[in-house]
PDB file of N, CA and C in Angstrom:
ATOM      1  N   MET A   1     117.794  95.916  95.771  1.00  0.00           N
ATOM      2  CA  MET A   1     118.322  95.579  97.072  1.00  0.00           C
ATOM      3  C   MET A   1     117.568  94.361  97.622  1.00  0.00           C
ATOM      4  N   TYR A   2     118.311  93.478  98.247  1.00  0.00           N
ATOM      5  CA  TYR A   2     117.699  92.273  98.797  1.00  0.00           C
ATOM      6  C   TYR A   2     117.002  92.559 100.117  1.00  0.00           C
ATOM      7  N   VAL A   3     115.789  92.046 100.236  1.00  0.00           N
ATOM      8  CA  VAL A   3     115.075  92.055 101.504  1.00  0.00           C
ATOM      9  C   VAL A   3     115.486  90.806 102.273  1.00  0.00           C
ATOM     10  N   CYS A   4     115.543  89.693 101.571  1.00  0.00           N
ATOM     11  CA  CYS A   4     115.914  88.397 102.156  1.00  0.00           C
ATOM     12  C   CYS A   4     117.196  87.922 101.473  1.00  0.00           C
ATOM     13  N   SER A   5     118.289  87.995 102.209  1.00  0.00           N
ATOM     14  CA  SER A   5     119.560  87.569 101.618  1.00  0.00           C
ATOM     15  C   SER A   5     119.682  86.049 101.578  1.00  0.00           C
ATOM     16  N   CYS A   6     118.940  85.347 102.417  1.00  0.00           N
ATOM     17  CA  CYS A   6     119.004  83.879 102.410  1.00  0.00           C
ATOM     18  C   CYS A   6     118.503  83.294 101.082  1.00  0.00           C
ATOM     19  N   PHE A   7     117.456  83.916 100.518  1.00  0.00           N
ATOM     20  CA  PHE A   7     116.863  83.410  99.283  1.00  0.00           C
ATOM     21  C   PHE A   7     116.914  84.436  98.147  1.00  0.00           C
ATOM     22  N   GLN A   8     117.711  85.502  98.313  1.00  0.00           N
ATOM     23  CA  GLN A   8     117.905  86.532  97.300  1.00  0.00           C
ATOM     24  C   GLN A   8     116.568  87.082  96.779  1.00  0.00           C
ATOM     25  N   VAL A   9     115.707  87.475  97.701  1.00  0.00           N
ATOM     26  CA  VAL A   9     114.415  88.056  97.357  1.00  0.00           C
ATOM     27  C   VAL A   9     114.527  89.574  97.497  1.00  0.00           C
ATOM     28  N   THR A  10     114.144  90.283  96.457  1.00  0.00           N
ATOM     29  CA  THR A  10     114.246  91.741  96.455  1.00  0.00           C
ATOM     30  C   THR A  10     112.952  92.389  96.936  1.00  0.00           C
ATOM     31  N   GLU A  11     113.053  93.677  97.248  1.00  0.00           N
ATOM     32  CA  GLU A  11     111.862  94.433  97.642  1.00  0.00           C
ATOM     33  C   GLU A  11     110.839  94.443  96.507  1.00  0.00           C
ATOM     34  N   ALA A  12     111.321  94.556  95.282  1.00  0.00           N
ATOM     35  CA  ALA A  12     110.415  94.546  94.128  1.00  0.00           C
ATOM     36  C   ALA A  12     109.658  93.227  94.041  1.00  0.00           C
ATOM     37  N   GLN A  13     110.327  92.128  94.339  1.00  0.00           N
ATOM     38  CA  GLN A  13     109.652  90.833  94.307  1.00  0.00           C
ATOM     39  C   GLN A  13     108.591  90.744  95.400  1.00  0.00           C
ATOM     40  N   VAL A  14     108.905  91.255  96.590  1.00  0.00           N
ATOM     41  CA  VAL A  14     107.920  91.255  97.680  1.00  0.00           C
ATOM     42  C   VAL A  14     106.710  92.090  97.262  1.00  0.00           C
ATOM     43  N   GLN A  15     106.949  93.248  96.664  1.00  0.00           N
ATOM     44  CA  GLN A  15     105.855  94.099  96.209  1.00  0.00           C
ATOM     45  C   GLN A  15     105.037  93.416  95.122  1.00  0.00           C
ATOM     46  N   GLN A  16     105.707  92.676  94.252  1.00  0.00           N
ATOM     47  CA  GLN A  16     105.004  91.953  93.189  1.00  0.00           C
ATOM     48  C   GLN A  16     104.097  90.877  93.786  1.00  0.00           C
ATOM     49  N   HIS A  17     104.609  90.133  94.759  1.00  0.00           N
ATOM     50  CA  HIS A  17     103.792  89.105  95.413  1.00  0.00           C
ATOM     51  C   HIS A  17     102.637  89.738  96.181  1.00  0.00           C
ATOM     52  N   ALA A  18     102.899  90.885  96.802  1.00  0.00           N
ATOM     53  CA  ALA A  18     101.835  91.598  97.516  1.00  0.00           C
ATOM     54  C   ALA A  18     100.752  92.044  96.541  1.00  0.00           C
ATOM     55  N   GLY A  19     101.156  92.528  95.386  1.00  0.00           N
ATOM     56  CA  GLY A  19     100.198  92.915  94.365  1.00  0.00           C
ATOM     57  C   GLY A  19      99.378  91.743  93.864  1.00  0.00           C
ATOM     58  N   GLY A  20      99.961  90.558  93.964  1.00  0.00           N
ATOM     59  CA  GLY A  20      99.261  89.346  93.564  1.00  0.00           C
ATOM     60  C   GLY A  20      98.383  88.763  94.660  1.00  0.00           C
ATOM     61  N   GLY A  21      98.352  89.436  95.818  1.00  0.00           N
ATOM     62  CA  GLY A  21      97.445  88.992  96.870  1.00  0.00           C
ATOM     63  C   GLY A  21      98.089  88.476  98.137  1.00  0.00           C
ATOM     64  N   ALA A  22      99.406  88.370  98.179  1.00  0.00           N
ATOM     65  CA  ALA A  22     100.092  87.920  99.400  1.00  0.00           C
ATOM     66  C   ALA A  22     100.188  89.111 100.350  1.00  0.00           C
ATOM     67  N   CYS A  23      99.337  89.141 101.369  1.00  0.00           N
ATOM     68  CA  CYS A  23      99.208  90.338 102.213  1.00  0.00           C
ATOM     69  C   CYS A  23      99.771  90.182 103.612  1.00  0.00           C
ATOM     70  N   THR A  24     100.405  89.069 103.907  1.00  0.00           N
ATOM     71  CA  THR A  24     101.019  88.872 105.210  1.00  0.00           C
ATOM     72  C   THR A  24     102.421  88.303 105.007  1.00  0.00           C
ATOM     73  N   PRO A  25     103.293  88.453 106.002  1.00  0.00           N
ATOM     74  CA  PRO A  25     104.624  87.845 105.865  1.00  0.00           C
ATOM     75  C   PRO A  25     104.553  86.333 105.611  1.00  0.00           C
ATOM     76  N   ARG A  26     103.595  85.668 106.193  1.00  0.00           N
ATOM     77  CA  ARG A  26     103.446  84.226 105.967  1.00  0.00           C
ATOM     78  C   ARG A  26     103.081  83.928 104.520  1.00  0.00           C
ATOM     79  N   GLN A  27     102.207  84.741 103.935  1.00  0.00           N
ATOM     80  CA  GLN A  27     101.838  84.548 102.531  1.00  0.00           C
ATOM     81  C   GLN A  27     103.006  84.870 101.610  1.00  0.00           C
ATOM     82  N   ILE A  28     103.797  85.884 101.971  1.00  0.00           N
ATOM     83  CA  ILE A  28     105.004  86.197 101.200  1.00  0.00           C
ATOM     84  C   ILE A  28     105.959  85.009 101.275  1.00  0.00           C
ATOM     85  N   ALA A  29     106.111  84.434 102.468  1.00  0.00           N
ATOM     86  CA  ALA A  29     106.991  83.270 102.646  1.00  0.00           C
ATOM     87  C   ALA A  29     106.528  82.108 101.773  1.00  0.00           C
ATOM     88  N   SER A  30     105.243  81.895 101.691  1.00  0.00           N
ATOM     89  CA  SER A  30     104.716  80.819 100.848  1.00  0.00           C
ATOM     90  C   SER A  30     104.996  81.078  99.377  1.00  0.00           C
ATOM     91  N   ALA A  31     104.981  82.347  98.999  1.00  0.00           N
ATOM     92  CA  ALA A  31     105.176  82.700  97.598  1.00  0.00           C
ATOM     93  C   ALA A  31     106.631  82.621  97.161  1.00  0.00           C
ATOM     94  N   CYS A  32     107.571  82.984  98.071  1.00  0.00           N
ATOM     95  CA  CYS A  32     108.971  83.083  97.618  1.00  0.00           C
ATOM     96  C   CYS A  32     110.011  82.643  98.653  1.00  0.00           C
ATOM     97  N   LYS A  33     109.593  82.090  99.771  1.00  0.00           N
ATOM     98  CA  LYS A  33     110.450  81.581 100.841  1.00  0.00           C
ATOM     99  C   LYS A  33     111.064  82.670 101.719  1.00  0.00           C
ATOM    100  N   ALA A  34     110.886  83.940 101.372  1.00  0.00           N
ATOM    101  CA  ALA A  34     111.467  85.011 102.183  1.00  0.00           C
ATOM    102  C   ALA A  34     110.961  84.916 103.617  1.00  0.00           C
ATOM    103  N   GLY A  35     111.874  84.957 104.559  1.00  0.00           N
ATOM    104  CA  GLY A  35     111.516  84.901 105.970  1.00  0.00           C
ATOM    105  C   GLY A  35     111.464  83.517 106.570  1.00  0.00           C
ATOM    106  N   THR A  36     111.760  82.497 105.771  1.00  0.00           N
ATOM    107  CA  THR A  36     111.634  81.124 106.283  1.00  0.00           C
ATOM    108  C   THR A  36     112.945  80.517 106.768  1.00  0.00           C
ATOM    109  N   ASP A  37     114.071  81.209 106.574  1.00  0.00           N
ATOM    110  CA  ASP A  37     115.347  80.641 107.023  1.00  0.00           C
ATOM    111  C   ASP A  37     115.765  81.292 108.332  1.00  0.00           C
ATOM    112  N   CYS A  38     116.469  82.379 108.291  1.00  0.00           N
ATOM    113  CA  CYS A  38     116.944  82.998 109.536  1.00  0.00           C
ATOM    114  C   CYS A  38     115.899  83.903 110.173  1.00  0.00           C
ATOM    115  N   GLY A  39     114.960  84.429 109.358  1.00  0.00           N
ATOM    116  CA  GLY A  39     113.885  85.266 109.879  1.00  0.00           C
ATOM    117  C   GLY A  39     114.227  86.726 110.073  1.00  0.00           C
ATOM    118  N   SER A  40     115.450  87.125 109.770  1.00  0.00           N
ATOM    119  CA  SER A  40     115.840  88.516 110.007  1.00  0.00           C
ATOM    120  C   SER A  40     115.133  89.498 109.077  1.00  0.00           C
ATOM    121  N   CYS A  41     114.520  89.031 108.013  1.00  0.00           N
ATOM    122  CA  CYS A  41     113.872  89.921 107.061  1.00  0.00           C
ATOM    123  C   CYS A  41     112.379  90.120 107.321  1.00  0.00           C
ATOM    124  N   VAL A  42     111.837  89.401 108.284  1.00  0.00           N
ATOM    125  CA  VAL A  42     110.389  89.442 108.505  1.00  0.00           C
ATOM    126  C   VAL A  42     109.913  90.858 108.841  1.00  0.00           C
ATOM    127  N   ARG A  43     110.649  91.580 109.658  1.00  0.00           N
ATOM    128  CA  ARG A  43     110.232  92.953 110.002  1.00  0.00           C
ATOM    129  C   ARG A  43     110.281  93.863 108.776  1.00  0.00           C
ATOM    130  N   ARG A  44     111.248  93.656 107.944  1.00  0.00           N
ATOM    131  CA  ARG A  44     111.325  94.477 106.722  1.00  0.00           C
ATOM    132  C   ARG A  44     110.153  94.151 105.797  1.00  0.00           C
ATOM    133  N   ILE A  45     109.797  92.884 105.687  1.00  0.00           N
ATOM    134  CA  ILE A  45     108.644  92.482 104.878  1.00  0.00           C
ATOM    135  C   ILE A  45     107.376  93.121 105.446  1.00  0.00           C
ATOM    136  N   GLN A  46     107.237  93.100 106.767  1.00  0.00           N
ATOM    137  CA  GLN A  46     106.084  93.741 107.394  1.00  0.00           C
ATOM    138  C   GLN A  46     106.039  95.228 107.046  1.00  0.00           C
ATOM    139  N   ALA A  47     107.188  95.875 107.056  1.00  0.00           N
ATOM    140  CA  ALA A  47     107.249  97.294 106.728  1.00  0.00           C
ATOM    141  C   ALA A  47     106.847  97.547 105.280  1.00  0.00           C
ATOM    142  N   ILE A  48     107.292  96.699 104.378  1.00  0.00           N
ATOM    143  CA  ILE A  48     106.930  96.842 102.964  1.00  0.00           C
ATOM    144  C   ILE A  48     105.425  96.675 102.796  1.00  0.00           C
ATOM    145  N   LEU A  49     104.869  95.679 103.437  1.00  0.00           N
ATOM    146  CA  LEU A  49     103.424  95.447 103.340  1.00  0.00           C
ATOM    147  C   LEU A  49     102.645  96.596 103.974  1.00  0.00           C
ATOM    148  N   GLY A  50     103.206  97.187 105.011  1.00  0.00           N
ATOM    149  CA  GLY A  50     102.553  98.305 105.683  1.00  0.00           C
ATOM    150  C   GLY A  50     102.602  99.600 104.913  1.00  0.00           C
ATOM    151  N   ARG A  51     103.465  99.677 103.901  1.00  0.00           N
ATOM    152  CA  ARG A  51     103.589 100.899 103.093  1.00  0.00           C
ATOM    153  C   ARG A  51     102.602 100.926 101.942  1.00  0.00           C
ATOM    154  N   GLY A  52     101.644 100.031 101.960  1.00  0.00           N
ATOM    155  CA  GLY A  52     100.624 100.084 100.925  1.00  0.00           C
ATOM    156  C   GLY A  52     100.903  99.232  99.714  1.00  0.00           C
ATOM    157  N   SER A  53     101.853  98.322  99.801  1.00  0.00           N
ATOM    158  CA  SER A  53     102.115  97.443  98.671  1.00  0.00           C
ATOM    159  C   SER A  53     100.982  96.470  98.441  1.00  0.00           C
ATOM    160  N   CYS A  54     100.207  96.272  99.450  1.00  0.00           N
ATOM    161  CA  CYS A  54      99.154  95.274  99.379  1.00  0.00           C
ATOM    162  C   CYS A  54      97.817  95.921  99.698  1.00  0.00           C
ATOM    163  N   PRO A  55      96.839  95.740  98.824  1.00  0.00           N
ATOM    164  CA  PRO A  55      95.518  96.281  99.132  1.00  0.00           C
ATOM    165  C   PRO A  55      94.916  95.561 100.332  1.00  0.00           C
ATOM    166  N   ARG A  56      94.186  96.294 101.132  1.00  0.00           N
ATOM    167  CA  ARG A  56      93.545  95.664 102.289  1.00  0.00           C
ATOM    168  C   ARG A  56      92.556  94.631 101.793  1.00  0.00           C
ATOM    169  N   ARG A  57      92.647  93.430 102.345  1.00  0.00           N
ATOM    170  CA  ARG A  57      91.801  92.347 101.878  1.00  0.00           C
ATOM    171  C   ARG A  57      90.324  92.652 102.034  1.00  0.00           C
ATOM    172  N   ASP A  58      89.917  93.305 103.131  1.00  0.00           N
ATOM    173  CA  ASP A  58      88.494  93.566 103.323  1.00  0.00           C
ATOM    174  C   ASP A  58      87.958  94.560 102.295  1.00  0.00           C
ATOM    175  N   LEU A  59      88.806  95.395 101.730  1.00  0.00           N
ATOM    176  CA  LEU A  59      88.373  96.311 100.693  1.00  0.00           C
ATOM    177  C   LEU A  59      88.536  95.722  99.305  1.00  0.00           C
ATOM    178  N   ALA A  60      89.455  94.796  99.173  1.00  0.00           N
ATOM    179  CA  ALA A  60      89.746  94.229  97.864  1.00  0.00           C
ATOM    180  C   ALA A  60      88.744  93.159  97.449  1.00  0.00           C
ATOM    181  N   GLU A  61      88.040  92.598  98.403  1.00  0.00           N
ATOM    182  CA  GLU A  61      87.086  91.554  98.061  1.00  0.00           C
ATOM    183  C   GLU A  61      85.954  92.164  97.247  1.00  0.00           C
ATOM    184  N   GLU A  62      85.623  91.495  96.182  1.00  0.00           N
ATOM    185  CA  GLU A  62      84.571  91.991  95.321  1.00  0.00           C
ATOM    186  C   GLU A  62      83.245  91.961  96.059  1.00  0.00           C
ATOM    187  N   GLY A  63      82.515  93.038  95.960  1.00  0.00           N
ATOM    188  CA  GLY A  63      81.218  93.093  96.605  1.00  0.00           C
ATOM    189  C   GLY A  63      81.287  93.390  98.094  1.00  0.00           C
ATOM    190  N   ALA A  64      82.426  93.825  98.584  1.00  0.00           N
ATOM    191  CA  ALA A  64      82.555  94.138 100.001  1.00  0.00           C
ATOM    192  C   ALA A  64      81.603  95.273 100.353  1.00  0.00           C
ATOM    193  N   PRO A  65      80.986  95.223 101.536  1.00  0.00           N
ATOM    194  CA  PRO A  65      80.034  96.267 101.925  1.00  0.00           C
ATOM    195  C   PRO A  65      80.625  97.676 101.868  1.00  0.00           C
ATOM    196  N   VAL A  66      81.898  97.818 102.169  1.00  0.00           N
ATOM    197  CA  VAL A  66      82.519  99.142 102.145  1.00  0.00           C
ATOM    198  C   VAL A  66      82.455  99.724 100.733  1.00  0.00           C
ATOM    199  N   PHE A  67      82.731  98.902  99.722  1.00  0.00           N
ATOM    200  CA  PHE A  67      82.662  99.396  98.354  1.00  0.00           C
ATOM    201  C   PHE A  67      81.240  99.771  97.989  1.00  0.00           C
ATOM    202  N   ALA A  68      80.288  98.987  98.427  1.00  0.00           N
ATOM    203  CA  ALA A  68      78.888  99.299  98.142  1.00  0.00           C
ATOM    204  C   ALA A  68      78.525 100.648  98.741  1.00  0.00           C
ATOM    205  N   GLU A  69      78.939 100.901  99.968  1.00  0.00           N
ATOM    206  CA  GLU A  69      78.658 102.182 100.613  1.00  0.00           C
ATOM    207  C   GLU A  69      79.348 103.327  99.880  1.00  0.00           C
ATOM    208  N   LEU A  70      80.600 103.136  99.467  1.00  0.00           N
ATOM    209  CA  LEU A  70      81.317 104.178  98.740  1.00  0.00           C
ATOM    210  C   LEU A  70      80.640 104.478  97.408  1.00  0.00           C
ATOM    211  N   ASN A  71      80.187 103.435  96.725  1.00  0.00           N
ATOM    212  CA  ASN A  71      79.497 103.643  95.453  1.00  0.00           C
ATOM    213  C   ASN A  71      78.202 104.419  95.650  1.00  0.00           C
ATOM    214  N   GLU A  72      77.476 104.097  96.723  1.00  0.00           N
ATOM    215  CA  GLU A  72      76.229 104.819  97.002  1.00  0.00           C
ATOM    216  C   GLU A  72      76.511 106.289  97.287  1.00  0.00           C
ATOM    217  N   LEU A  73      77.571 106.547  98.059  1.00  0.00           N
ATOM    218  CA  LEU A  73      77.940 107.935  98.360  1.00  0.00           C
ATOM    219  C   LEU A  73      78.330 108.678  97.106  1.00  0.00           C
ATOM    220  N   ALA A  74      79.055 108.036  96.208  1.00  0.00           N
ATOM    221  CA  ALA A  74      79.474 108.666  94.969  1.00  0.00           C
ATOM    222  C   ALA A  74      78.251 108.998  94.105  1.00  0.00           C
ATOM    223  N   GLU A  75      77.289 108.089  94.069  1.00  0.00           N
ATOM    224  CA  GLU A  75      76.078 108.329  93.290  1.00  0.00           C
ATOM    225  C   GLU A  75      75.289 109.505  93.871  1.00  0.00           C
ATOM    226  N   LEU A  76      75.236 109.605  95.200  1.00  0.00           N
ATOM    227  CA  LEU A  76      74.547 110.728  95.833  1.00  0.00           C
ATOM    228  C   LEU A  76      75.216 112.039  95.508  1.00  0.00           C
ATOM    229  N   ASP A  77      76.566 112.046  95.519  1.00  0.00           N
ATOM    230  CA  ASP A  77      77.304 113.261  95.189  1.00  0.00           C
ATOM    231  C   ASP A  77      77.055 113.687  93.745  1.00  0.00           C
ATOM    232  N   GLU A  78      77.000 112.711  92.842  1.00  0.00           N
ATOM    233  CA  GLU A  78      76.771 113.017  91.432  1.00  0.00           C
ATOM    234  C   GLU A  78      75.362 113.571  91.213  1.00  0.00           C
ATOM    235  N   ALA A  79      74.389 113.051  91.969  1.00  0.00           N
ATOM    236  CA  ALA A  79      73.019 113.484  91.823  1.00  0.00           C
ATOM    237  C   ALA A  79      72.790 114.886  92.381  1.00  0.00           C
ATOM    238  N   ALA A  80      73.624 115.288  93.307  1.00  0.00           N
ATOM    239  CA  ALA A  80      73.437 116.607  93.971  1.00  0.00           C
ATOM    240  C   ALA A  80      73.891 117.764  93.142  1.00  0.00           C
TER     241      ALA A  80
END
């Protein structure tokens, strides 16, 4: 099913771009033009991104403090 009928972009394509790191409607637009013509698909793109198609950037960054804390907690659990 098309998310963007202006440029024939499907939900699967939006999810693929999100998996590749496009985490905002603007980044999706840069990747495939979806949302750049009439704009009627922008809310749907936001909904797709909000359903977990895109990892949160602050957690996805390598070496993020959150991951370090989670790893420490996991090590403590294993040691107990």
